[in-house]
PDB file of N, CA and C in Angstrom:
ATOM      1  N   MET A   1     117.050 155.362 160.102  1.00  0.00           N
ATOM      2  CA  MET A   1     117.160 154.257 159.196  1.00  0.00           C
ATOM      3  C   MET A   1     117.017 152.961 159.943  1.00  0.00           C
ATOM      4  N   SER A   2     117.633 152.875 161.113  1.00  0.00           N
ATOM      5  CA  SER A   2     117.573 151.658 161.920  1.00  0.00           C
ATOM      6  C   SER A   2     116.115 151.327 162.274  1.00  0.00           C
ATOM      7  N   ASN A   3     115.332 152.357 162.604  1.00  0.00           N
ATOM      8  CA  ASN A   3     113.921 152.136 162.960  1.00  0.00           C
ATOM      9  C   ASN A   3     113.125 151.637 161.760  1.00  0.00           C
ATOM     10  N   GLU A   4     113.430 152.146 160.552  1.00  0.00           N
ATOM     11  CA  GLU A   4     112.714 151.703 159.361  1.00  0.00           C
ATOM     12  C   GLU A   4     113.025 150.253 159.023  1.00  0.00           C
ATOM     13  N   VAL A   5     114.282 149.826 159.202  1.00  0.00           N
ATOM     14  CA  VAL A   5     114.628 148.425 158.983  1.00  0.00           C
ATOM     15  C   VAL A   5     113.901 147.539 159.988  1.00  0.00           C
ATOM     16  N   ASP A   6     113.857 147.959 161.276  1.00  0.00           N
ATOM     17  CA  ASP A   6     113.134 147.203 162.281  1.00  0.00           C
ATOM     18  C   ASP A   6     111.658 147.066 161.922  1.00  0.00           C
ATOM     19  N   ARG A   7     111.052 148.176 161.473  1.00  0.00           N
ATOM     20  CA  ARG A   7     109.622 148.174 161.096  1.00  0.00           C
ATOM     21  C   ARG A   7     109.373 147.259 159.921  1.00  0.00           C
ATOM     22  N   TYR A   8     110.251 147.296 158.925  1.00  0.00           N
ATOM     23  CA  TYR A   8     110.122 146.408 157.753  1.00  0.00           C
ATOM     24  C   TYR A   8     110.236 144.960 158.182  1.00  0.00           C
ATOM     25  N   ASN A   9     111.260 144.634 158.961  1.00  0.00           N
ATOM     26  CA  ASN A   9     111.464 143.233 159.364  1.00  0.00           C
ATOM     27  C   ASN A   9     110.312 142.716 160.198  1.00  0.00           C
ATOM     28  N   ALA A  10     109.717 143.581 161.034  1.00  0.00           N
ATOM     29  CA  ALA A  10     108.599 143.150 161.871  1.00  0.00           C
ATOM     30  C   ALA A  10     107.334 142.926 161.047  1.00  0.00           C
ATOM     31  N   SER A  11     107.167 143.644 159.970  1.00  0.00           N
ATOM     32  CA  SER A  11     105.927 143.548 159.197  1.00  0.00           C
ATOM     33  C   SER A  11     106.046 142.704 157.952  1.00  0.00           C
ATOM     34  N   ARG A  12     107.218 142.174 157.660  1.00  0.00           N
ATOM     35  CA  ARG A  12     107.416 141.500 156.376  1.00  0.00           C
ATOM     36  C   ARG A  12     106.579 140.250 156.222  1.00  0.00           C
ATOM     37  N   ARG A  13     106.234 139.569 157.297  1.00  0.00           N
ATOM     38  CA  ARG A  13     105.413 138.381 157.179  1.00  0.00           C
ATOM     39  C   ARG A  13     103.945 138.691 156.878  1.00  0.00           C
ATOM     40  N   GLN A  14     103.474 139.830 157.393  1.00  0.00           N
ATOM     41  CA  GLN A  14     102.076 140.191 157.143  1.00  0.00           C
ATOM     42  C   GLN A  14     101.881 140.952 155.847  1.00  0.00           C
ATOM     43  N   SER A  15     102.976 141.506 155.311  1.00  0.00           N
ATOM     44  CA  SER A  15     102.850 142.393 154.167  1.00  0.00           C
ATOM     45  C   SER A  15     102.415 141.637 152.906  1.00  0.00           C
ATOM     46  N   GLN A  16     101.446 142.221 152.203  1.00  0.00           N
ATOM     47  CA  GLN A  16     101.045 141.707 150.909  1.00  0.00           C
ATOM     48  C   GLN A  16     101.745 142.460 149.789  1.00  0.00           C
ATOM     49  N   GLU A  17     102.573 143.435 150.158  1.00  0.00           N
ATOM     50  CA  GLU A  17     103.214 144.286 149.174  1.00  0.00           C
ATOM     51  C   GLU A  17     104.235 143.490 148.376  1.00  0.00           C
ATOM     52  N   PHE A  18     104.958 142.612 149.028  1.00  0.00           N
ATOM     53  CA  PHE A  18     106.033 141.859 148.364  1.00  0.00           C
ATOM     54  C   PHE A  18     105.569 140.442 148.060  1.00  0.00           C
ATOM     55  N   GLN A  19     104.950 140.287 146.927  1.00  0.00           N
ATOM     56  CA  GLN A  19     104.534 138.972 146.481  1.00  0.00           C
ATOM     57  C   GLN A  19     105.213 138.647 145.188  1.00  0.00           C
ATOM     58  N   TRP A  20     105.768 137.448 145.065  1.00  0.00           N
ATOM     59  CA  TRP A  20     106.408 137.014 143.845  1.00  0.00           C
ATOM     60  C   TRP A  20     106.276 135.489 143.741  1.00  0.00           C
ATOM     61  N   LEU A  21     106.585 134.983 142.608  1.00  0.00           N
ATOM     62  CA  LEU A  21     106.576 133.565 142.383  1.00  0.00           C
ATOM     63  C   LEU A  21     108.030 133.061 142.359  1.00  0.00           C
ATOM     64  N   ASP A  22     108.280 131.931 143.016  1.00  0.00           N
ATOM     65  CA  ASP A  22     109.605 131.366 142.863  1.00  0.00           C
ATOM     66  C   ASP A  22     109.647 130.594 141.556  1.00  0.00           C
ATOM     67  N   LEU A  23     110.806 130.065 141.200  1.00  0.00           N
ATOM     68  CA  LEU A  23     110.990 129.444 139.882  1.00  0.00           C
ATOM     69  C   LEU A  23     110.034 128.243 139.699  1.00  0.00           C
ATOM     70  N   LYS A  24     109.866 127.411 140.726  1.00  0.00           N
ATOM     71  CA  LYS A  24     108.974 126.248 140.611  1.00  0.00           C
ATOM     72  C   LYS A  24     107.520 126.685 140.378  1.00  0.00           C
ATOM     73  N   GLN A  25     107.094 127.723 141.116  1.00  0.00           N
ATOM     74  CA  GLN A  25     105.719 128.233 140.958  1.00  0.00           C
ATOM     75  C   GLN A  25     105.538 128.830 139.570  1.00  0.00           C
ATOM     76  N   LEU A  26     106.542 129.548 139.067  1.00  0.00           N
ATOM     77  CA  LEU A  26     106.444 130.156 137.766  1.00  0.00           C
ATOM     78  C   LEU A  26     106.379 129.076 136.673  1.00  0.00           C
ATOM     79  N   GLU A  27     107.223 128.059 136.778  1.00  0.00           N
ATOM     80  CA  GLU A  27     107.191 126.988 135.773  1.00  0.00           C
ATOM     81  C   GLU A  27     105.855 126.265 135.779  1.00  0.00           C
ATOM     82  N   GLN A  28     105.294 125.998 136.966  1.00  0.00           N
ATOM     83  CA  GLN A  28     103.996 125.330 137.039  1.00  0.00           C
ATOM     84  C   GLN A  28     102.907 126.221 136.444  1.00  0.00           C
ATOM     85  N   ALA A  29     102.954 127.501 136.755  1.00  0.00           N
ATOM     86  CA  ALA A  29     101.959 128.394 136.209  1.00  0.00           C
ATOM     87  C   ALA A  29     102.015 128.468 134.694  1.00  0.00           C
ATOM     88  N   LEU A  30     103.237 128.453 134.144  1.00  0.00           N
ATOM     89  CA  LEU A  30     103.387 128.474 132.693  1.00  0.00           C
ATOM     90  C   LEU A  30     102.814 127.194 132.077  1.00  0.00           C
ATOM     91  N   LEU A  31     103.052 126.046 132.750  1.00  0.00           N
ATOM     92  CA  LEU A  31     102.486 124.796 132.257  1.00  0.00           C
ATOM     93  C   LEU A  31     100.978 124.823 132.282  1.00  0.00           C
ATOM     94  N   ASN A  32     100.418 125.512 133.274  1.00  0.00           N
ATOM     95  CA  ASN A  32      98.964 125.621 133.405  1.00  0.00           C
ATOM     96  C   ASN A  32      98.402 126.651 132.426  1.00  0.00           C
ATOM     97  N   GLY A  33      99.271 127.473 131.836  1.00  0.00           N
ATOM     98  CA  GLY A  33      98.813 128.464 130.856  1.00  0.00           C
ATOM     99  C   GLY A  33      98.370 129.762 131.444  1.00  0.00           C
ATOM    100  N   GLU A  34      98.616 129.988 132.729  1.00  0.00           N
ATOM    101  CA  GLU A  34      98.235 131.262 133.354  1.00  0.00           C
ATOM    102  C   GLU A  34      99.202 131.565 134.499  1.00  0.00           C
ATOM    103  N   VAL A  35      99.742 132.774 134.483  1.00  0.00           N
ATOM    104  CA  VAL A  35     100.600 133.223 135.546  1.00  0.00           C
ATOM    105  C   VAL A  35      99.870 134.308 136.284  1.00  0.00           C
ATOM    106  N   ALA A  36      99.612 134.095 137.556  1.00  0.00           N
ATOM    107  CA  ALA A  36      98.885 135.067 138.370  1.00  0.00           C
ATOM    108  C   ALA A  36      99.474 135.053 139.775  1.00  0.00           C
ATOM    109  N   PHE A  37      99.352 136.180 140.445  1.00  0.00           N
ATOM    110  CA  PHE A  37      99.788 136.264 141.816  1.00  0.00           C
ATOM    111  C   PHE A  37      98.613 136.026 142.717  1.00  0.00           C
ATOM    112  N   GLY A  38      98.852 135.206 143.707  1.00  0.00           N
ATOM    113  CA  GLY A  38      97.849 134.911 144.687  1.00  0.00           C
ATOM    114  C   GLY A  38      98.572 134.704 146.013  1.00  0.00           C
ATOM    115  N   PRO A  39      97.941 134.019 146.951  1.00  0.00           N
ATOM    116  CA  PRO A  39      98.649 133.720 148.194  1.00  0.00           C
ATOM    117  C   PRO A  39      99.944 132.958 147.906  1.00  0.00           C
ATOM    118  N   VAL A  40     101.025 133.394 148.520  1.00  0.00           N
ATOM    119  CA  VAL A  40     102.297 132.728 148.304  1.00  0.00           C
ATOM    120  C   VAL A  40     102.910 132.292 149.637  1.00  0.00           C
ATOM    121  N   ASP A  41     103.737 131.288 149.552  1.00  0.00           N
ATOM    122  CA  ASP A  41     104.403 130.795 150.738  1.00  0.00           C
ATOM    123  C   ASP A  41     105.766 131.429 150.952  1.00  0.00           C
ATOM    124  N   VAL A  42     106.218 132.222 149.991  1.00  0.00           N
ATOM    125  CA  VAL A  42     107.520 132.849 150.078  1.00  0.00           C
ATOM    126  C   VAL A  42     107.417 134.083 150.964  1.00  0.00           C
ATOM    127  N   VAL A  43     108.285 134.183 151.924  1.00  0.00           N
ATOM    128  CA  VAL A  43     108.320 135.351 152.818  1.00  0.00           C
ATOM    129  C   VAL A  43     109.445 136.274 152.370  1.00  0.00           C
ATOM    130  N   ALA A  44     109.188 137.551 152.357  1.00  0.00           N
ATOM    131  CA  ALA A  44     110.217 138.516 151.962  1.00  0.00           C
ATOM    132  C   ALA A  44     111.425 138.343 152.887  1.00  0.00           C
ATOM    133  N   PRO A  45     112.622 138.443 152.359  1.00  0.00           N
ATOM    134  CA  PRO A  45     113.813 138.203 153.176  1.00  0.00           C
ATOM    135  C   PRO A  45     113.983 139.284 154.228  1.00  0.00           C
ATOM    136  N   GLN A  46     114.597 138.896 155.338  1.00  0.00           N
ATOM    137  CA  GLN A  46     114.907 139.839 156.393  1.00  0.00           C
ATOM    138  C   GLN A  46     116.040 140.749 155.938  1.00  0.00           C
ATOM    139  N   VAL A  47     115.964 142.010 156.258  1.00  0.00           N
ATOM    140  CA  VAL A  47     116.987 142.970 155.899  1.00  0.00           C
ATOM    141  C   VAL A  47     117.950 143.128 157.076  1.00  0.00           C
ATOM    142  N   MET A  48     119.229 143.071 156.771  1.00  0.00           N
ATOM    143  CA  MET A  48     120.243 143.299 157.814  1.00  0.00           C
ATOM    144  C   MET A  48     120.531 144.780 157.907  1.00  0.00           C
ATOM    145  N   LYS A  49     120.508 145.334 159.113  1.00  0.00           N
ATOM    146  CA  LYS A  49     120.722 146.763 159.288  1.00  0.00           C
ATOM    147  C   LYS A  49     122.053 147.238 158.702  1.00  0.00           C
ATOM    148  N   SER A  50     123.110 146.481 158.928  1.00  0.00           N
ATOM    149  CA  SER A  50     124.416 146.929 158.439  1.00  0.00           C
ATOM    150  C   SER A  50     124.428 147.004 156.919  1.00  0.00           C
ATOM    151  N   ALA A  51     123.806 146.063 156.244  1.00  0.00           N
ATOM    152  CA  ALA A  51     123.761 146.056 154.774  1.00  0.00           C
ATOM    153  C   ALA A  51     122.897 147.199 154.274  1.00  0.00           C
ATOM    154  N   ALA A  52     121.771 147.466 154.933  1.00  0.00           N
ATOM    155  CA  ALA A  52     120.888 148.541 154.525  1.00  0.00           C
ATOM    156  C   ALA A  52     121.558 149.897 154.704  1.00  0.00           C
ATOM    157  N   MET A  53     122.244 150.073 155.799  1.00  0.00           N
ATOM    158  CA  MET A  53     122.916 151.346 156.062  1.00  0.00           C
ATOM    159  C   MET A  53     124.082 151.540 155.079  1.00  0.00           C
ATOM    160  N   LYS A  54     124.806 150.465 154.779  1.00  0.00           N
ATOM    161  CA  LYS A  54     125.880 150.573 153.795  1.00  0.00           C
ATOM    162  C   LYS A  54     125.337 150.937 152.416  1.00  0.00           C
ATOM    163  N   ALA A  55     124.239 150.283 152.016  1.00  0.00           N
ATOM    164  CA  ALA A  55     123.630 150.592 150.708  1.00  0.00           C
ATOM    165  C   ALA A  55     123.141 152.048 150.647  1.00  0.00           C
ATOM    166  N   ALA A  56     122.535 152.526 151.739  1.00  0.00           N
ATOM    167  CA  ALA A  56     122.046 153.895 151.764  1.00  0.00           C
ATOM    168  C   ALA A  56     123.202 154.897 151.676  1.00  0.00           C
ATOM    169  N   ARG A  57     124.276 154.632 152.402  1.00  0.00           N
ATOM    170  CA  ARG A  57     125.437 155.527 152.349  1.00  0.00           C
ATOM    171  C   ARG A  57     126.042 155.545 150.920  1.00  0.00           C
ATOM    172  N   GLU A  58     126.174 154.351 150.322  1.00  0.00           N
ATOM    173  CA  GLU A  58     126.740 154.276 148.969  1.00  0.00           C
ATOM    174  C   GLU A  58     125.840 155.010 147.978  1.00  0.00           C
ATOM    175  N   ALA A  59     124.535 154.868 148.101  1.00  0.00           N
ATOM    176  CA  ALA A  59     123.605 155.560 147.201  1.00  0.00           C
ATOM    177  C   ALA A  59     123.771 157.084 147.348  1.00  0.00           C
ATOM    178  N   PHE A  60     123.920 157.562 148.561  1.00  0.00           N
ATOM    179  CA  PHE A  60     124.098 158.989 148.812  1.00  0.00           C
ATOM    180  C   PHE A  60     125.417 159.460 148.206  1.00  0.00           C
ATOM    181  N   GLU A  61     126.502 158.708 148.452  1.00  0.00           N
ATOM    182  CA  GLU A  61     127.823 159.102 147.974  1.00  0.00           C
ATOM    183  C   GLU A  61     127.913 159.017 146.459  1.00  0.00           C
ATOM    184  N   ASP A  62     127.154 158.118 145.829  1.00  0.00           N
ATOM    185  CA  ASP A  62     127.147 157.983 144.363  1.00  0.00           C
ATOM    186  C   ASP A  62     126.197 158.969 143.696  1.00  0.00           C
ATOM    187  N   GLY A  63     125.498 159.773 144.484  1.00  0.00           N
ATOM    188  CA  GLY A  63     124.583 160.766 143.919  1.00  0.00           C
ATOM    189  C   GLY A  63     123.259 160.199 143.467  1.00  0.00           C
ATOM    190  N   LEU A  64     122.916 159.018 143.929  1.00  0.00           N
ATOM    191  CA  LEU A  64     121.636 158.417 143.567  1.00  0.00           C
ATOM    192  C   LEU A  64     120.502 158.871 144.474  1.00  0.00           C
ATOM    193  N   VAL A  65     120.864 159.410 145.638  1.00  0.00           N
ATOM    194  CA  VAL A  65     119.889 159.883 146.611  1.00  0.00           C
ATOM    195  C   VAL A  65     120.348 161.248 147.102  1.00  0.00           C
ATOM    196  N   MET A  66     119.412 162.157 147.239  1.00  0.00           N
ATOM    197  CA  MET A  66     119.707 163.466 147.810  1.00  0.00           C
ATOM    198  C   MET A  66     118.847 163.646 149.062  1.00  0.00           C
ATOM    199  N   MET A  67     119.367 164.396 150.011  1.00  0.00           N
ATOM    200  CA  MET A  67     118.598 164.654 151.237  1.00  0.00           C
ATOM    201  C   MET A  67     118.652 166.158 151.524  1.00  0.00           C
ATOM    202  N   PHE A  68     117.501 166.697 151.873  1.00  0.00           N
ATOM    203  CA  PHE A  68     117.366 168.106 152.220  1.00  0.00           C
ATOM    204  C   PHE A  68     116.743 168.217 153.615  1.00  0.00           C
ATOM    205  N   ILE A  69     117.257 169.111 154.411  1.00  0.00           N
ATOM    206  CA  ILE A  69     116.673 169.380 155.717  1.00  0.00           C
ATOM    207  C   ILE A  69     116.309 170.864 155.736  1.00  0.00           C
ATOM    208  N   ASP A  70     115.035 171.137 155.903  1.00  0.00           N
ATOM    209  CA  ASP A  70     114.497 172.512 155.881  1.00  0.00           C
ATOM    210  C   ASP A  70     115.003 173.277 154.631  1.00  0.00           C
ATOM    211  N   GLY A  71     114.990 172.583 153.502  1.00  0.00           N
ATOM    212  CA  GLY A  71     115.341 173.221 152.227  1.00  0.00           C
ATOM    213  C   GLY A  71     116.831 173.286 151.916  1.00  0.00           C
ATOM    214  N   GLU A  72     117.673 172.888 152.858  1.00  0.00           N
ATOM    215  CA  GLU A  72     119.108 172.916 152.669  1.00  0.00           C
ATOM    216  C   GLU A  72     119.632 171.502 152.326  1.00  0.00           C
ATOM    217  N   ALA A  73     120.402 171.421 151.265  1.00  0.00           N
ATOM    218  CA  ALA A  73     120.946 170.104 150.855  1.00  0.00           C
ATOM    219  C   ALA A  73     121.970 169.607 151.865  1.00  0.00           C
ATOM    220  N   VAL A  74     121.885 168.343 152.180  1.00  0.00           N
ATOM    221  CA  VAL A  74     122.918 167.706 153.033  1.00  0.00           C
ATOM    222  C   VAL A  74     124.020 167.250 152.103  1.00  0.00           C
ATOM    223  N   ARG A  75     125.231 167.681 152.387  1.00  0.00           N
ATOM    224  CA  ARG A  75     126.368 167.374 151.494  1.00  0.00           C
ATOM    225  C   ARG A  75     127.277 166.303 152.059  1.00  0.00           C
ATOM    226  N   ASN A  76     127.236 166.138 153.363  1.00  0.00           N
ATOM    227  CA  ASN A  76     128.168 165.178 154.029  1.00  0.00           C
ATOM    228  C   ASN A  76     127.392 164.459 155.115  1.00  0.00           C
ATOM    229  N   LEU A  77     127.360 163.139 155.048  1.00  0.00           N
ATOM    230  CA  LEU A  77     126.621 162.368 156.041  1.00  0.00           C
ATOM    231  C   LEU A  77     127.310 162.327 157.397  1.00  0.00           C
ATOM    232  N   ASP A  78     128.579 162.693 157.447  1.00  0.00           N
ATOM    233  CA  ASP A  78     129.309 162.679 158.700  1.00  0.00           C
ATOM    234  C   ASP A  78     129.179 163.967 159.493  1.00  0.00           C
ATOM    235  N   GLU A  79     128.586 165.015 158.895  1.00  0.00           N
ATOM    236  CA  GLU A  79     128.407 166.276 159.636  1.00  0.00           C
ATOM    237  C   GLU A  79     127.223 166.173 160.606  1.00  0.00           C
ATOM    238  N   THR A  80     127.223 166.969 161.628  1.00  0.00           N
ATOM    239  CA  THR A  80     126.147 167.018 162.567  1.00  0.00           C
ATOM    240  C   THR A  80     124.980 167.806 161.939  1.00  0.00           C
ATOM    241  N   LEU A  81     123.795 167.213 162.017  1.00  0.00           N
ATOM    242  CA  LEU A  81     122.616 167.851 161.414  1.00  0.00           C
ATOM    243  C   LEU A  81     121.773 168.487 162.515  1.00  0.00           C
ATOM    244  N   ASP A  82     121.352 169.727 162.290  1.00  0.00           N
ATOM    245  CA  ASP A  82     120.575 170.468 163.263  1.00  0.00           C
ATOM    246  C   ASP A  82     119.086 170.263 162.969  1.00  0.00           C
ATOM    247  N   LEU A  83     118.461 169.346 163.654  1.00  0.00           N
ATOM    248  CA  LEU A  83     117.028 169.091 163.494  1.00  0.00           C
ATOM    249  C   LEU A  83     116.279 169.721 164.648  1.00  0.00           C
ATOM    250  N   LYS A  84     115.203 170.375 164.303  1.00  0.00           N
ATOM    251  CA  LYS A  84     114.327 170.989 165.304  1.00  0.00           C
ATOM    252  C   LYS A  84     112.965 170.344 165.244  1.00  0.00           C
ATOM    253  N   LEU A  85     112.157 170.512 166.249  1.00  0.00           N
ATOM    254  CA  LEU A  85     110.783 170.030 166.199  1.00  0.00           C
ATOM    255  C   LEU A  85     110.094 170.713 165.020  1.00  0.00           C
ATOM    256  N   GLY A  86     109.574 169.956 164.100  1.00  0.00           N
ATOM    257  CA  GLY A  86     108.921 170.522 162.925  1.00  0.00           C
ATOM    258  C   GLY A  86     109.851 170.634 161.728  1.00  0.00           C
ATOM    259  N   SER A  87     111.108 170.199 161.833  1.00  0.00           N
ATOM    260  CA  SER A  87     112.019 170.225 160.689  1.00  0.00           C
ATOM    261  C   SER A  87     111.446 169.328 159.588  1.00  0.00           C
ATOM    262  N   GLN A  88     111.626 169.748 158.352  1.00  0.00           N
ATOM    263  CA  GLN A  88     111.173 168.954 157.222  1.00  0.00           C
ATOM    264  C   GLN A  88     112.374 168.286 156.583  1.00  0.00           C
ATOM    265  N   VAL A  89     112.279 166.961 156.459  1.00  0.00           N
ATOM    266  CA  VAL A  89     113.339 166.160 155.848  1.00  0.00           C
ATOM    267  C   VAL A  89     112.801 165.599 154.539  1.00  0.00           C
ATOM    268  N   LEU A  90     113.540 165.842 153.452  1.00  0.00           N
ATOM    269  CA  LEU A  90     113.090 165.387 152.134  1.00  0.00           C
ATOM    270  C   LEU A  90     114.163 164.490 151.545  1.00  0.00           C
ATOM    271  N   TYR A  91     113.767 163.303 151.111  1.00  0.00           N
ATOM    272  CA  TYR A  91     114.670 162.407 150.399  1.00  0.00           C
ATOM    273  C   TYR A  91     114.235 162.329 148.954  1.00  0.00           C
ATOM    274  N   ILE A  92     115.179 162.424 148.051  1.00  0.00           N
ATOM    275  CA  ILE A  92     114.880 162.315 146.629  1.00  0.00           C
ATOM    276  C   ILE A  92     115.765 161.230 146.039  1.00  0.00           C
ATOM    277  N   LYS A  93     115.113 160.246 145.429  1.00  0.00           N
ATOM    278  CA  LYS A  93     115.853 159.166 144.730  1.00  0.00           C
ATOM    279  C   LYS A  93     115.952 159.571 143.257  1.00  0.00           C
ATOM    280  N   LEU A  94     117.164 159.686 142.780  1.00  0.00           N
ATOM    281  CA  LEU A  94     117.420 160.093 141.396  1.00  0.00           C
ATOM    282  C   LEU A  94     117.627 158.860 140.531  1.00  0.00           C
ATOM    283  N   SER A  95     117.202 158.958 139.282  1.00  0.00           N
ATOM    284  CA  SER A  95     117.459 157.855 138.341  1.00  0.00           C
ATOM    285  C   SER A  95     117.950 158.437 137.034  1.00  0.00           C
ATOM    286  N   PRO A  96     118.940 157.790 136.420  1.00  0.00           N
ATOM    287  CA  PRO A  96     119.466 158.320 135.162  1.00  0.00           C
ATOM    288  C   PRO A  96     118.424 158.178 134.056  1.00  0.00           C
ATOM    289  N   GLN A  97     118.438 159.139 133.133  1.00  0.00           N
ATOM    290  CA  GLN A  97     117.519 159.127 132.023  1.00  0.00           C
ATOM    291  C   GLN A  97     118.321 158.908 130.742  1.00  0.00           C
ATOM    292  N   ARG A  98     117.721 158.165 129.811  1.00  0.00           N
ATOM    293  CA  ARG A  98     118.357 157.900 128.544  1.00  0.00           C
ATOM    294  C   ARG A  98     117.523 158.522 127.406  1.00  0.00           C
ATOM    295  N   GLY A  99     118.177 158.907 126.372  1.00  0.00           N
ATOM    296  CA  GLY A  99     117.508 159.374 125.163  1.00  0.00           C
ATOM    297  C   GLY A  99     116.743 160.657 125.286  1.00  0.00           C
ATOM    298  N   ILE A 100     117.263 161.563 126.073  1.00  0.00           N
ATOM    299  CA  ILE A 100     116.573 162.842 126.255  1.00  0.00           C
ATOM    300  C   ILE A 100     116.741 163.696 125.023  1.00  0.00           C
TER     301      ILE A 100
END
């Protein structure tokens, strides 16, 4: 997780994935009669490792995320995990459904 946060923070300035309009840009675009995404001056915020790790742990504990290692569900994040070369790790993000 720590490596992923580092990778995100290092690439956030070059990334075109996170583009949005701030309130002033949105208001001006509405006055112009067209809202479109183009080059923006807003840089995606830096992610703090401690906050990201806390959010990930809470999501796991709340049942919003499941993790499997070699087909076996991880039940406790504090247990030692046996990873081997070639182990498959699967993360599943769950979302509640309404009106089924």
